[in-house]
Amino acid sequence: MRDPVKAPAGGYGEAVPVPDPIAEAHRQWSARWPEHADRMAAVTSVMRVQQLLLARIETALKPHGLTFAAYEALRLLAFTRTGALPMGKMGARLMVHPASVTNVIGRLERRGLVQRRPSPDDRRVVLAEITPAGRELAEDATRALHEASFGLPDLTAEQAEQVTAVLRAVRAAAGEIPPEPPRPRAGR
């Protein structure tokens, strides 16, 4: 694990830990609105972790000339049986606005990593199709993300699973996905 962030200690060459701003916010919130302090700290922590992870992911993808959004689009296309998907379906699967998909696919198309073509089944539908160069780049970028442990090198597999489970519960509570059915207890 990383050491806490340190600040210079007044010229003696010693470092002192910088207080956790979220812990300080929690302390302040607890004094004023104790019934909301834990949820405020949870949301603020998720937002901060999202910033940290996105920065780590983008650092791993930068040598490949990809943003995380572009990587996700390439990886999604590479996962498909035919290497092609309707643009609208890509937006739904990537959980982004259709304009974002159009923008990302446009950038990838200019680099020769995907191509757009009309669907043979419905000429009103535009397909995005990964090219061989796009497939190769998706594999290279995936290896880079594996080597970077997706920005979570200090978490064990069990911890990553726990984080995923907690965040799934948040997503279910927000109505994005159905709640997981209760698991049967051992010995019953």
Protein backbone atom coordinates (compact mmCIF):
# COMPACT_ATOMS: atom_id res chain seq x y z
CA MET A 1 0.00 0.00 0.00
CA ARG A 2 1.03 3.57 -0.50
CA ASP A 3 2.16 5.77 2.35
CA PRO A 4 -0.20 8.60 3.26
CA VAL A 5 0.40 11.90 1.49
CA LYS A 6 3.00 13.89 3.39
CA ALA A 7 3.58 17.61 3.68
CA PRO A 8 6.86 19.28 4.66
CA ALA A 9 7.10 19.80 8.42
CA GLY A 10 8.31 23.33 8.82
CA GLY A 11 11.86 23.06 7.56
CA TYR A 12 13.20 20.24 9.76
CA GLY A 13 13.00 17.76 6.91
CA GLU A 14 10.36 15.70 8.62
CA ALA A 15 7.11 14.93 6.89
CA VAL A 16 3.75 15.03 8.60
CA PRO A 17 0.65 13.27 7.31
CA VAL A 18 -1.86 15.48 5.50
CA PRO A 19 -5.29 14.99 7.08
CA ASP A 20 -7.88 13.16 5.03
CA PRO A 21 -10.25 15.85 3.73
CA ILE A 22 -13.15 13.38 3.62
CA ALA A 23 -12.57 12.41 7.25
CA GLU A 24 -12.55 16.11 8.15
CA ALA A 25 -15.77 16.69 6.19
CA HIS A 26 -17.30 13.70 8.01
CA ARG A 27 -16.29 15.20 11.34
CA GLN A 28 -17.85 18.54 10.41
CA TRP A 29 -21.00 16.89 9.06
CA SER A 30 -21.30 14.73 12.19
CA ALA A 31 -21.35 17.84 14.36
CA ARG A 32 -24.18 19.37 12.32
CA TRP A 33 -26.11 16.57 10.66
CA PRO A 34 -24.99 13.29 12.26
CA GLU A 35 -27.74 11.27 10.63
CA HIS A 36 -26.34 12.16 7.16
CA ALA A 37 -22.58 12.13 7.84
CA ASP A 38 -21.89 8.52 6.83
CA ARG A 39 -23.76 8.78 3.54
CA MET A 40 -22.05 12.09 2.71
CA ALA A 41 -18.66 10.48 3.36
CA ALA A 42 -19.61 7.43 1.28
CA VAL A 43 -20.68 9.51 -1.72
CA THR A 44 -17.68 11.83 -1.46
CA SER A 45 -15.37 8.80 -1.20
CA VAL A 46 -16.89 7.17 -4.30
CA MET A 47 -16.54 10.41 -6.26
CA ARG A 48 -12.90 10.82 -5.19
CA VAL A 49 -12.05 7.18 -5.92
CA GLN A 50 -13.60 7.58 -9.38
CA GLN A 51 -11.22 10.48 -10.04
CA LEU A 52 -8.21 8.51 -8.79
CA LEU A 53 -9.05 5.37 -10.76
CA LEU A 54 -9.82 7.24 -13.96
CA ALA A 55 -6.43 8.97 -13.72
CA ARG A 56 -4.67 5.61 -13.24
CA ILE A 57 -6.59 3.98 -16.10
CA GLU A 58 -5.93 6.90 -18.42
CA THR A 59 -2.22 6.73 -17.55
CA ALA A 60 -2.13 3.04 -18.51
CA LEU A 61 -4.00 3.71 -21.77
CA LYS A 62 -2.14 6.89 -22.80
CA PRO A 63 0.76 5.05 -24.51
CA HIS A 64 -1.88 3.41 -26.72
CA GLY A 65 -3.49 6.74 -27.57
CA LEU A 66 -6.78 5.76 -25.93
CA THR A 67 -9.08 7.28 -23.37
CA PHE A 68 -11.07 4.94 -21.16
CA ALA A 69 -14.21 5.71 -23.19
CA ALA A 70 -12.43 4.79 -26.44
CA TYR A 71 -10.99 1.64 -24.85
CA GLU A 72 -14.43 0.56 -23.63
CA ALA A 73 -15.88 1.02 -27.12
CA LEU A 74 -13.10 -1.01 -28.75
CA ARG A 75 -13.28 -3.73 -26.10
CA LEU A 76 -17.07 -3.97 -26.45
CA LEU A 77 -16.76 -4.41 -30.21
CA ALA A 78 -13.94 -6.93 -29.81
CA PHE A 79 -16.13 -8.98 -27.44
CA THR A 80 -18.94 -9.32 -29.99
CA ARG A 81 -19.24 -12.38 -32.19
CA THR A 82 -19.16 -10.35 -35.42
CA GLY A 83 -17.07 -7.38 -34.25
CA ALA A 84 -19.97 -5.02 -34.97
CA LEU A 85 -22.83 -3.47 -33.01
CA PRO A 86 -25.50 -0.88 -33.70
CA MET A 87 -24.40 2.50 -32.37
CA GLY A 88 -27.55 2.76 -30.24
CA LYS A 89 -26.92 -0.60 -28.61
CA MET A 90 -23.35 0.48 -27.84
CA GLY A 91 -24.67 3.49 -25.93
CA ALA A 92 -26.95 1.28 -23.86
CA ARG A 93 -24.23 -1.26 -23.09
CA LEU A 94 -21.64 1.39 -22.25
CA MET A 95 -24.25 3.35 -20.26
CA VAL A 96 -23.51 6.61 -22.07
CA HIS A 97 -25.48 9.12 -24.13
CA PRO A 98 -25.71 8.34 -27.88
CA ALA A 99 -23.83 11.56 -28.68
CA SER A 100 -20.89 10.28 -26.62
CA VAL A 101 -20.81 7.05 -28.64
CA THR A 102 -20.91 9.01 -31.90
CA ASN A 103 -18.02 11.17 -30.72
CA VAL A 104 -15.85 8.24 -29.57
CA ILE A 105 -16.58 6.16 -32.68
CA GLY A 106 -15.76 9.17 -34.87
CA ARG A 107 -12.33 9.52 -33.24
CA LEU A 108 -11.68 5.77 -33.51
CA GLU A 109 -12.82 5.77 -37.14
CA ARG A 110 -10.40 8.60 -38.02
CA ARG A 111 -7.60 6.42 -36.65
CA GLY A 112 -8.72 3.41 -38.71
CA LEU A 113 -9.67 1.40 -35.61
CA VAL A 114 -13.38 1.11 -36.41
CA GLN A 115 -15.58 1.73 -39.39
CA ARG A 116 -19.21 2.68 -39.66
CA ARG A 117 -21.52 0.96 -42.08
CA PRO A 118 -25.25 0.55 -42.56
CA SER A 119 -26.83 -2.56 -41.10
CA PRO A 120 -27.66 -5.14 -43.77
CA ASP A 121 -30.92 -5.84 -41.88
CA ASP A 122 -32.09 -2.24 -41.48
CA ARG A 123 -30.47 0.54 -43.50
CA ARG A 124 -31.59 3.10 -40.88
CA VAL A 125 -29.29 1.46 -38.33
CA VAL A 126 -25.60 2.34 -38.33
CA LEU A 127 -23.16 -0.32 -37.18
CA ALA A 128 -19.76 0.34 -35.69
CA GLU A 129 -17.33 -2.41 -36.66
CA ILE A 130 -13.87 -2.99 -35.25
CA THR A 131 -11.03 -3.25 -37.78
CA PRO A 132 -8.07 -5.62 -37.46
CA ALA A 133 -5.96 -2.66 -36.25
CA GLY A 134 -8.63 -1.85 -33.67
CA ARG A 135 -8.75 -5.44 -32.48
CA GLU A 136 -4.95 -5.51 -32.09
CA LEU A 137 -4.96 -2.22 -30.17
CA ALA A 138 -7.78 -3.46 -27.92
CA GLU A 139 -5.68 -6.51 -27.03
CA ASP A 140 -2.56 -4.40 -26.36
CA ALA A 141 -4.50 -1.94 -24.20
CA THR A 142 -6.16 -4.79 -22.31
CA ARG A 143 -2.73 -6.21 -21.48
CA ALA A 144 -1.68 -2.77 -20.20
CA LEU A 145 -4.75 -2.58 -17.96
CA HIS A 146 -4.10 -6.09 -16.67
CA GLU A 147 -0.51 -5.11 -15.85
CA ALA A 148 -1.85 -2.02 -14.01
CA SER A 149 -4.41 -4.20 -12.18
CA PHE A 150 -7.07 -1.82 -13.51
CA GLY A 151 -5.73 0.87 -11.20
CA LEU A 152 -6.22 -1.27 -8.09
CA PRO A 153 -2.82 -2.95 -7.57
CA ASP A 154 -3.04 -2.84 -3.77
CA LEU A 155 -6.44 -4.51 -3.50
CA THR A 156 -6.72 -8.26 -3.17
CA ALA A 157 -9.12 -10.14 -5.41
CA GLU A 158 -11.40 -10.57 -2.40
CA GLN A 159 -11.36 -6.82 -1.67
CA ALA A 160 -12.14 -6.03 -5.31
CA GLU A 161 -15.06 -8.47 -5.14
CA GLN A 162 -16.34 -6.78 -1.97
CA VAL A 163 -16.12 -3.32 -3.55
CA THR A 164 -18.02 -4.61 -6.58
CA ALA A 165 -20.73 -6.12 -4.37
CA VAL A 166 -21.20 -2.92 -2.35
CA LEU A 167 -21.33 -0.78 -5.48
CA ARG A 168 -23.77 -3.22 -7.10
CA ALA A 169 -26.07 -2.69 -4.12
CA VAL A 170 -25.82 1.08 -4.67
CA ARG A 171 -26.63 0.65 -8.37
CA ALA A 172 -29.60 -1.57 -7.50
CA ALA A 173 -30.86 0.94 -4.90
CA ALA A 174 -30.66 3.65 -7.57
CA GLY A 175 -32.83 1.50 -9.86
CA GLU A 176 -30.19 0.94 -12.53
CA ILE A 177 -30.19 -2.83 -12.13
CA PRO A 178 -32.46 -5.31 -10.35
CA PRO A 179 -31.53 -6.26 -6.80
CA GLU A 180 -29.68 -9.51 -6.37
CA PRO A 181 -31.90 -12.28 -4.99
CA PRO A 182 -31.00 -13.24 -1.41
CA ARG A 183 -28.47 -16.04 -1.15
CA PRO A 184 -29.48 -19.16 0.78
CA ARG A 185 -27.69 -19.48 4.09
CA ALA A 186 -25.21 -22.31 4.55
CA GLY A 187 -26.59 -25.39 6.29
CA ARG A 188 -30.21 -24.85 5.26
